[in-house]
Amino acid sequence: MLQGPAEGRVVLRPGAFDGVKVFTATMFADRGVLGEKVTNWIAEHPENQLTEIIVTQSSDASFHCIAISVFYRQMNRKQAS
């Protein structure tokens, strides 16, 4: 039985964004480390000012998929310092 997606949203800075990075996982072990992957990517890209994060889960009888969408504005180097 196909279930509709569940969604959680965190708005950090309302307004426009100029980039999005999407992280997905369907396997149990991959879902367990997905948050760590997102955290590492954020730490590796300090030039990005996060605007919104959306977590979406979808499922069917066999698979569960988690997607974390990170929306951001890319700051110039002067603003990042």
PDB file of N, CA and C in Angstrom:
ATOM      1  N   MET A   1       0.844  -1.176   0.000  1.00  0.00           N
ATOM      2  CA  MET A   1       0.000   0.000   0.000  1.00  0.00           C
ATOM      3  C   MET A   1       0.887   1.236   0.000  1.00  0.00           C
ATOM      4  N   LEU A   2       0.655   2.134  -0.916  1.00  0.00           N
ATOM      5  CA  LEU A   2       1.429   3.362  -1.041  1.00  0.00           C
ATOM      6  C   LEU A   2       0.887   4.401  -0.089  1.00  0.00           C
ATOM      7  N   GLN A   3       1.764   4.958   0.724  1.00  0.00           N
ATOM      8  CA  GLN A   3       1.377   6.017   1.648  1.00  0.00           C
ATOM      9  C   GLN A   3       1.839   7.344   1.075  1.00  0.00           C
ATOM     10  N   GLY A   4       1.101   8.404   1.362  1.00  0.00           N
ATOM     11  CA  GLY A   4       1.511   9.737   0.931  1.00  0.00           C
ATOM     12  C   GLY A   4       2.740  10.183   1.686  1.00  0.00           C
ATOM     13  N   PRO A   5       3.465  11.135   1.134  1.00  0.00           N
ATOM     14  CA  PRO A   5       4.683  11.594   1.806  1.00  0.00           C
ATOM     15  C   PRO A   5       4.363  12.372   3.070  1.00  0.00           C
ATOM     16  N   ALA A   6       5.213  12.226   4.061  1.00  0.00           N
ATOM     17  CA  ALA A   6       5.164  13.028   5.271  1.00  0.00           C
ATOM     18  C   ALA A   6       6.264  14.065   5.140  1.00  0.00           C
ATOM     19  N   GLU A   7       6.013  15.257   5.658  1.00  0.00           N
ATOM     20  CA  GLU A   7       6.989  16.327   5.458  1.00  0.00           C
ATOM     21  C   GLU A   7       7.160  17.130   6.731  1.00  0.00           C
ATOM     22  N   GLY A   8       8.397  17.525   7.015  1.00  0.00           N
ATOM     23  CA  GLY A   8       8.727  18.450   8.080  1.00  0.00           C
ATOM     24  C   GLY A   8       9.528  19.583   7.487  1.00  0.00           C
ATOM     25  N   ARG A   9       9.283  20.789   7.961  1.00  0.00           N
ATOM     26  CA  ARG A   9       9.913  21.957   7.345  1.00  0.00           C
ATOM     27  C   ARG A   9      10.470  22.861   8.436  1.00  0.00           C
ATOM     28  N   VAL A  10      11.685  23.359   8.206  1.00  0.00           N
ATOM     29  CA  VAL A  10      12.300  24.344   9.088  1.00  0.00           C
ATOM     30  C   VAL A  10      12.693  25.532   8.218  1.00  0.00           C
ATOM     31  N   VAL A  11      12.093  26.686   8.476  1.00  0.00           N
ATOM     32  CA  VAL A  11      12.452  27.899   7.746  1.00  0.00           C
ATOM     33  C   VAL A  11      13.442  28.665   8.613  1.00  0.00           C
ATOM     34  N   LEU A  12      14.657  28.828   8.114  1.00  0.00           N
ATOM     35  CA  LEU A  12      15.718  29.493   8.855  1.00  0.00           C
ATOM     36  C   LEU A  12      15.771  30.983   8.554  1.00  0.00           C
ATOM     37  N   ARG A  13      15.710  31.324   7.295  1.00  0.00           N
ATOM     38  CA  ARG A  13      15.734  32.718   6.842  1.00  0.00           C
ATOM     39  C   ARG A  13      14.789  32.823   5.665  1.00  0.00           C
ATOM     40  N   PRO A  14      13.608  33.398   5.877  1.00  0.00           N
ATOM     41  CA  PRO A  14      12.665  33.467   4.761  1.00  0.00           C
ATOM     42  C   PRO A  14      13.222  34.297   3.612  1.00  0.00           C
ATOM     43  N   GLY A  15      12.795  33.979   2.427  1.00  0.00           N
ATOM     44  CA  GLY A  15      13.225  34.742   1.267  1.00  0.00           C
ATOM     45  C   GLY A  15      13.766  33.854   0.172  1.00  0.00           C
ATOM     46  N   ALA A  16      14.387  34.508  -0.782  1.00  0.00           N
ATOM     47  CA  ALA A  16      14.869  33.819  -1.975  1.00  0.00           C
ATOM     48  C   ALA A  16      16.054  32.916  -1.662  1.00  0.00           C
ATOM     49  N   PHE A  17      16.231  31.911  -2.499  1.00  0.00           N
ATOM     50  CA  PHE A  17      17.391  31.035  -2.433  1.00  0.00           C
ATOM     51  C   PHE A  17      17.939  30.900  -3.843  1.00  0.00           C
ATOM     52  N   ASP A  18      19.217  30.550  -3.946  1.00  0.00           N
ATOM     53  CA  ASP A  18      19.791  30.364  -5.276  1.00  0.00           C
ATOM     54  C   ASP A  18      20.439  28.993  -5.444  1.00  0.00           C
ATOM     55  N   GLY A  19      20.213  28.116  -4.478  1.00  0.00           N
ATOM     56  CA  GLY A  19      20.735  26.770  -4.587  1.00  0.00           C
ATOM     57  C   GLY A  19      19.964  25.811  -3.706  1.00  0.00           C
ATOM     58  N   VAL A  20      19.996  24.547  -4.078  1.00  0.00           N
ATOM     59  CA  VAL A  20      19.388  23.494  -3.269  1.00  0.00           C
ATOM     60  C   VAL A  20      20.250  22.240  -3.386  1.00  0.00           C
ATOM     61  N   LYS A  21      20.431  21.564  -2.270  1.00  0.00           N
ATOM     62  CA  LYS A  21      21.165  20.294  -2.231  1.00  0.00           C
ATOM     63  C   LYS A  21      20.204  19.269  -1.635  1.00  0.00           C
ATOM     64  N   VAL A  22      20.010  18.160  -2.330  1.00  0.00           N
ATOM     65  CA  VAL A  22      19.070  17.137  -1.883  1.00  0.00           C
ATOM     66  C   VAL A  22      19.838  15.873  -1.519  1.00  0.00           C
ATOM     67  N   PHE A  23      19.577  15.364  -0.321  1.00  0.00           N
ATOM     68  CA  PHE A  23      20.180  14.129   0.167  1.00  0.00           C
ATOM     69  C   PHE A  23      19.060  13.104   0.293  1.00  0.00           C
ATOM     70  N   THR A  24      19.260  11.887  -0.211  1.00  0.00           N
ATOM     71  CA  THR A  24      18.233  10.855  -0.129  1.00  0.00           C
ATOM     72  C   THR A  24      18.828   9.533   0.316  1.00  0.00           C
ATOM     73  N   ALA A  25      17.980   8.714   0.921  1.00  0.00           N
ATOM     74  CA  ALA A  25      18.398   7.371   1.319  1.00  0.00           C
ATOM     75  C   ALA A  25      17.172   6.471   1.395  1.00  0.00           C
ATOM     76  N   THR A  26      17.322   5.241   0.933  1.00  0.00           N
ATOM     77  CA  THR A  26      16.255   4.254   1.060  1.00  0.00           C
ATOM     78  C   THR A  26      16.676   3.063   1.930  1.00  0.00           C
ATOM     79  N   MET A  27      17.948   2.732   1.944  1.00  0.00           N
ATOM     80  CA  MET A  27      18.421   1.597   2.733  1.00  0.00           C
ATOM     81  C   MET A  27      18.540   1.995   4.206  1.00  0.00           C
ATOM     82  N   PHE A  28      18.275   1.037   5.090  1.00  0.00           N
ATOM     83  CA  PHE A  28      18.254   1.305   6.529  1.00  0.00           C
ATOM     84  C   PHE A  28      19.554   1.950   7.015  1.00  0.00           C
ATOM     85  N   ALA A  29      20.688   1.366   6.657  1.00  0.00           N
ATOM     86  CA  ALA A  29      21.978   1.890   7.116  1.00  0.00           C
ATOM     87  C   ALA A  29      22.224   3.296   6.587  1.00  0.00           C
ATOM     88  N   ASP A  30      21.853   3.548   5.337  1.00  0.00           N
ATOM     89  CA  ASP A  30      22.029   4.882   4.753  1.00  0.00           C
ATOM     90  C   ASP A  30      21.141   5.919   5.435  1.00  0.00           C
ATOM     91  N   ARG A  31      19.914   5.523   5.780  1.00  0.00           N
ATOM     92  CA  ARG A  31      19.016   6.454   6.489  1.00  0.00           C
ATOM     93  C   ARG A  31      19.591   6.817   7.849  1.00  0.00           C
ATOM     94  N   GLY A  32      20.292   5.870   8.471  1.00  0.00           N
ATOM     95  CA  GLY A  32      20.854   6.102   9.797  1.00  0.00           C
ATOM     96  C   GLY A  32      21.966   7.140   9.827  1.00  0.00           C
ATOM     97  N   VAL A  33      22.634   7.371   8.702  1.00  0.00           N
ATOM     98  CA  VAL A  33      23.736   8.331   8.655  1.00  0.00           C
ATOM     99  C   VAL A  33      23.420   9.548   7.789  1.00  0.00           C
ATOM    100  N   LEU A  34      22.188   9.658   7.335  1.00  0.00           N
ATOM    101  CA  LEU A  34      21.835  10.753   6.440  1.00  0.00           C
ATOM    102  C   LEU A  34      22.014  12.117   7.099  1.00  0.00           C
ATOM    103  N   GLY A  35      21.611  12.241   8.344  1.00  0.00           N
ATOM    104  CA  GLY A  35      21.774  13.507   9.060  1.00  0.00           C
ATOM    105  C   GLY A  35      23.232  13.915   9.186  1.00  0.00           C
ATOM    106  N   GLU A  36      24.099  12.941   9.416  1.00  0.00           N
ATOM    107  CA  GLU A  36      25.538  13.209   9.502  1.00  0.00           C
ATOM    108  C   GLU A  36      26.080  13.700   8.156  1.00  0.00           C
ATOM    109  N   LYS A  37      25.600  13.124   7.064  1.00  0.00           N
ATOM    110  CA  LYS A  37      26.031  13.574   5.731  1.00  0.00           C
ATOM    111  C   LYS A  37      25.616  15.019   5.488  1.00  0.00           C
ATOM    112  N   VAL A  38      24.395  15.357   5.896  1.00  0.00           N
ATOM    113  CA  VAL A  38      23.911  16.730   5.734  1.00  0.00           C
ATOM    114  C   VAL A  38      24.752  17.683   6.582  1.00  0.00           C
ATOM    115  N   THR A  39      24.985  17.318   7.829  1.00  0.00           N
ATOM    116  CA  THR A  39      25.785  18.150   8.732  1.00  0.00           C
ATOM    117  C   THR A  39      27.189  18.371   8.173  1.00  0.00           C
ATOM    118  N   ASN A  40      27.821  17.327   7.650  1.00  0.00           N
ATOM    119  CA  ASN A  40      29.164  17.450   7.076  1.00  0.00           C
ATOM    120  C   ASN A  40      29.156  18.367   5.863  1.00  0.00           C
ATOM    121  N   TRP A  41      28.156  18.234   5.003  1.00  0.00           N
ATOM    122  CA  TRP A  41      28.078  19.080   3.811  1.00  0.00           C
ATOM    123  C   TRP A  41      27.917  20.545   4.215  1.00  0.00           C
ATOM    124  N   ILE A  42      27.077  20.809   5.197  1.00  0.00           N
ATOM    125  CA  ILE A  42      26.892  22.188   5.674  1.00  0.00           C
ATOM    126  C   ILE A  42      28.209  22.744   6.203  1.00  0.00           C
ATOM    127  N   ALA A  43      28.936  21.957   6.989  1.00  0.00           N
ATOM    128  CA  ALA A  43      30.217  22.407   7.553  1.00  0.00           C
ATOM    129  C   ALA A  43      31.255  22.657   6.459  1.00  0.00           C
ATOM    130  N   GLU A  44      31.201  21.881   5.385  1.00  0.00           N
ATOM    131  CA  GLU A  44      32.163  22.025   4.282  1.00  0.00           C
ATOM    132  C   GLU A  44      31.824  23.189   3.343  1.00  0.00           C
ATOM    133  N   HIS A  45      30.670  23.815   3.517  1.00  0.00           N
ATOM    134  CA  HIS A  45      30.227  24.902   2.635  1.00  0.00           C
ATOM    135  C   HIS A  45      29.790  26.119   3.450  1.00  0.00           C
ATOM    136  N   PRO A  46      30.724  26.739   4.181  1.00  0.00           N
ATOM    137  CA  PRO A  46      30.353  27.892   5.013  1.00  0.00           C
ATOM    138  C   PRO A  46      29.913  29.111   4.206  1.00  0.00           C
ATOM    139  N   GLU A  47      30.173  29.111   2.895  1.00  0.00           N
ATOM    140  CA  GLU A  47      29.747  30.233   2.047  1.00  0.00           C
ATOM    141  C   GLU A  47      28.239  30.217   1.802  1.00  0.00           C
ATOM    142  N   ASN A  48      27.568  29.138   2.190  1.00  0.00           N
ATOM    143  CA  ASN A  48      26.127  29.026   1.982  1.00  0.00           C
ATOM    144  C   ASN A  48      25.364  29.470   3.226  1.00  0.00           C
ATOM    145  N   GLN A  49      24.419  30.373   3.038  1.00  0.00           N
ATOM    146  CA  GLN A  49      23.541  30.805   4.122  1.00  0.00           C
ATOM    147  C   GLN A  49      22.241  30.008   3.987  1.00  0.00           C
ATOM    148  N   LEU A  50      21.992  29.100   4.926  1.00  0.00           N
ATOM    149  CA  LEU A  50      20.820  28.244   4.836  1.00  0.00           C
ATOM    150  C   LEU A  50      19.548  29.065   4.972  1.00  0.00           C
ATOM    151  N   THR A  51      18.562  28.755   4.129  1.00  0.00           N
ATOM    152  CA  THR A  51      17.284  29.456   4.198  1.00  0.00           C
ATOM    153  C   THR A  51      16.153  28.540   4.640  1.00  0.00           C
ATOM    154  N   GLU A  52      16.216  27.269   4.258  1.00  0.00           N
ATOM    155  CA  GLU A  52      15.139  26.347   4.606  1.00  0.00           C
ATOM    156  C   GLU A  52      15.633  24.913   4.479  1.00  0.00           C
ATOM    157  N   ILE A  53      15.113  24.044   5.338  1.00  0.00           N
ATOM    158  CA  ILE A  53      15.401  22.614   5.272  1.00  0.00           C
ATOM    159  C   ILE A  53      14.065  21.879   5.312  1.00  0.00           C
ATOM    160  N   ILE A  54      13.869  20.979   4.346  1.00  0.00           N
ATOM    161  CA  ILE A  54      12.639  20.198   4.293  1.00  0.00           C
ATOM    162  C   ILE A  54      13.010  18.719   4.347  1.00  0.00           C
ATOM    163  N   VAL A  55      12.388  17.997   5.271  1.00  0.00           N
ATOM    164  CA  VAL A  55      12.582  16.557   5.390  1.00  0.00           C
ATOM    165  C   VAL A  55      11.296  15.885   4.919  1.00  0.00           C
ATOM    166  N   THR A  56      11.442  14.975   3.959  1.00  0.00           N
ATOM    167  CA  THR A  56      10.294  14.285   3.392  1.00  0.00           C
ATOM    168  C   THR A  56      10.494  12.785   3.509  1.00  0.00           C
ATOM    169  N   GLN A  57       9.445  12.091   3.937  1.00  0.00           N
ATOM    170  CA  GLN A  57       9.481  10.633   3.995  1.00  0.00           C
ATOM    171  C   GLN A  57       8.368  10.098   3.116  1.00  0.00           C
ATOM    172  N   SER A  58       8.694   9.114   2.307  1.00  0.00           N
ATOM    173  CA  SER A  58       7.673   8.418   1.526  1.00  0.00           C
ATOM    174  C   SER A  58       7.904   6.922   1.669  1.00  0.00           C
ATOM    175  N   SER A  59       6.829   6.165   1.572  1.00  0.00           N
ATOM    176  CA  SER A  59       6.918   4.722   1.803  1.00  0.00           C
ATOM    177  C   SER A  59       5.960   3.971   0.895  1.00  0.00           C
ATOM    178  N   ASP A  60       6.320   2.724   0.625  1.00  0.00           N
ATOM    179  CA  ASP A  60       5.374   1.771   0.068  1.00  0.00           C
ATOM    180  C   ASP A  60       5.512   0.506   0.908  1.00  0.00           C
ATOM    181  N   ALA A  61       4.980  -0.588   0.459  1.00  0.00           N
ATOM    182  CA  ALA A  61       5.004  -1.808   1.264  1.00  0.00           C
ATOM    183  C   ALA A  61       6.410  -2.323   1.540  1.00  0.00           C
ATOM    184  N   SER A  62       7.365  -1.992   0.676  1.00  0.00           N
ATOM    185  CA  SER A  62       8.713  -2.549   0.806  1.00  0.00           C
ATOM    186  C   SER A  62       9.791  -1.545   1.158  1.00  0.00           C
ATOM    187  N   PHE A  63       9.632  -0.291   0.757  1.00  0.00           N
ATOM    188  CA  PHE A  63      10.722   0.674   0.884  1.00  0.00           C
ATOM    189  C   PHE A  63      10.272   1.943   1.590  1.00  0.00           C
ATOM    190  N   HIS A  64      11.198   2.523   2.299  1.00  0.00           N
ATOM    191  CA  HIS A  64      11.004   3.818   2.941  1.00  0.00           C
ATOM    192  C   HIS A  64      12.109   4.731   2.428  1.00  0.00           C
ATOM    193  N   CYS A  65      11.747   5.896   1.970  1.00  0.00           N
ATOM    194  CA  CYS A  65      12.731   6.843   1.455  1.00  0.00           C
ATOM    195  C   CYS A  65      12.677   8.125   2.280  1.00  0.00           C
ATOM    196  N   ILE A  66      13.828   8.592   2.669  1.00  0.00           N
ATOM    197  CA  ILE A  66      13.964   9.871   3.358  1.00  0.00           C
ATOM    198  C   ILE A  66      14.710  10.809   2.426  1.00  0.00           C
ATOM    199  N   ALA A  67      14.195  12.020   2.287  1.00  0.00           N
ATOM    200  CA  ALA A  67      14.881  13.064   1.522  1.00  0.00           C
ATOM    201  C   ALA A  67      15.026  14.288   2.406  1.00  0.00           C
ATOM    202  N   ILE A  68      16.205  14.854   2.433  1.00  0.00           N
ATOM    203  CA  ILE A  68      16.460  16.105   3.136  1.00  0.00           C
ATOM    204  C   ILE A  68      16.899  17.114   2.085  1.00  0.00           C
ATOM    205  N   SER A  69      16.085  18.146   1.906  1.00  0.00           N
ATOM    206  CA  SER A  69      16.368  19.196   0.923  1.00  0.00           C
ATOM    207  C   SER A  69      16.844  20.430   1.662  1.00  0.00           C
ATOM    208  N   VAL A  70      18.047  20.885   1.331  1.00  0.00           N
ATOM    209  CA  VAL A  70      18.660  22.045   1.987  1.00  0.00           C
ATOM    210  C   VAL A  70      18.682  23.190   0.973  1.00  0.00           C
ATOM    211  N   PHE A  71      17.935  24.249   1.270  1.00  0.00           N
ATOM    212  CA  PHE A  71      17.883  25.431   0.414  1.00  0.00           C
ATOM    213  C   PHE A  71      18.832  26.481   0.991  1.00  0.00           C
ATOM    214  N   TYR A  72      19.540  27.193   0.124  1.00  0.00           N
ATOM    215  CA  TYR A  72      20.530  28.151   0.609  1.00  0.00           C
ATOM    216  C   TYR A  72      20.706  29.309  -0.364  1.00  0.00           C
ATOM    217  N   ARG A  73      21.297  30.384   0.177  1.00  0.00           N
ATOM    218  CA  ARG A  73      21.791  31.501  -0.631  1.00  0.00           C
ATOM    219  C   ARG A  73      23.303  31.440  -0.551  1.00  0.00           C
ATOM    220  N   GLN A  74      23.943  31.593  -1.684  1.00  0.00           N
ATOM    221  CA  GLN A  74      25.404  31.571  -1.687  1.00  0.00           C
ATOM    222  C   GLN A  74      25.902  32.979  -1.413  1.00  0.00           C
ATOM    223  N   MET A  75      26.630  33.109  -0.313  1.00  0.00           N
ATOM    224  CA  MET A  75      27.179  34.407   0.068  1.00  0.00           C
ATOM    225  C   MET A  75      28.509  34.611  -0.635  1.00  0.00           C
ATOM    226  N   ASN A  76      28.870  35.882  -0.876  1.00  0.00           N
ATOM    227  CA  ASN A  76      30.200  36.109  -1.458  1.00  0.00           C
ATOM    228  C   ASN A  76      31.252  35.940  -0.366  1.00  0.00           C
ATOM    229  N   ARG A  77      32.479  35.872  -0.727  1.00  0.00           N
ATOM    230  CA  ARG A  77      33.576  35.595   0.217  1.00  0.00           C
ATOM    231  C   ARG A  77      33.673  36.635   1.333  1.00  0.00           C
ATOM    232  N   LYS A  78      33.404  37.909   1.032  1.00  0.00           N
ATOM    233  CA  LYS A  78      33.490  38.948   2.069  1.00  0.00           C
ATOM    234  C   LYS A  78      32.471  38.699   3.171  1.00  0.00           C
ATOM    235  N   GLN A  79      31.237  38.317   2.797  1.00  0.00           N
ATOM    236  CA  GLN A  79      30.201  38.066   3.786  1.00  0.00           C
ATOM    237  C   GLN A  79      30.475  36.812   4.586  1.00  0.00           C
ATOM    238  N   ALA A  80      31.137  35.807   3.997  1.00  0.00           N
ATOM    239  CA  ALA A  80      31.406  34.558   4.673  1.00  0.00           C
ATOM    240  C   ALA A  80      32.436  34.706   5.791  1.00  0.00           C
ATOM    241  N   SER A  81      33.302  35.714   5.705  1.00  0.00           N
ATOM    242  CA  SER A  81      34.364  35.881   6.704  1.00  0.00           C
ATOM    243  C   SER A  81      33.841  36.506   7.980  1.00  0.00           C
TER     244      SER A  81
END
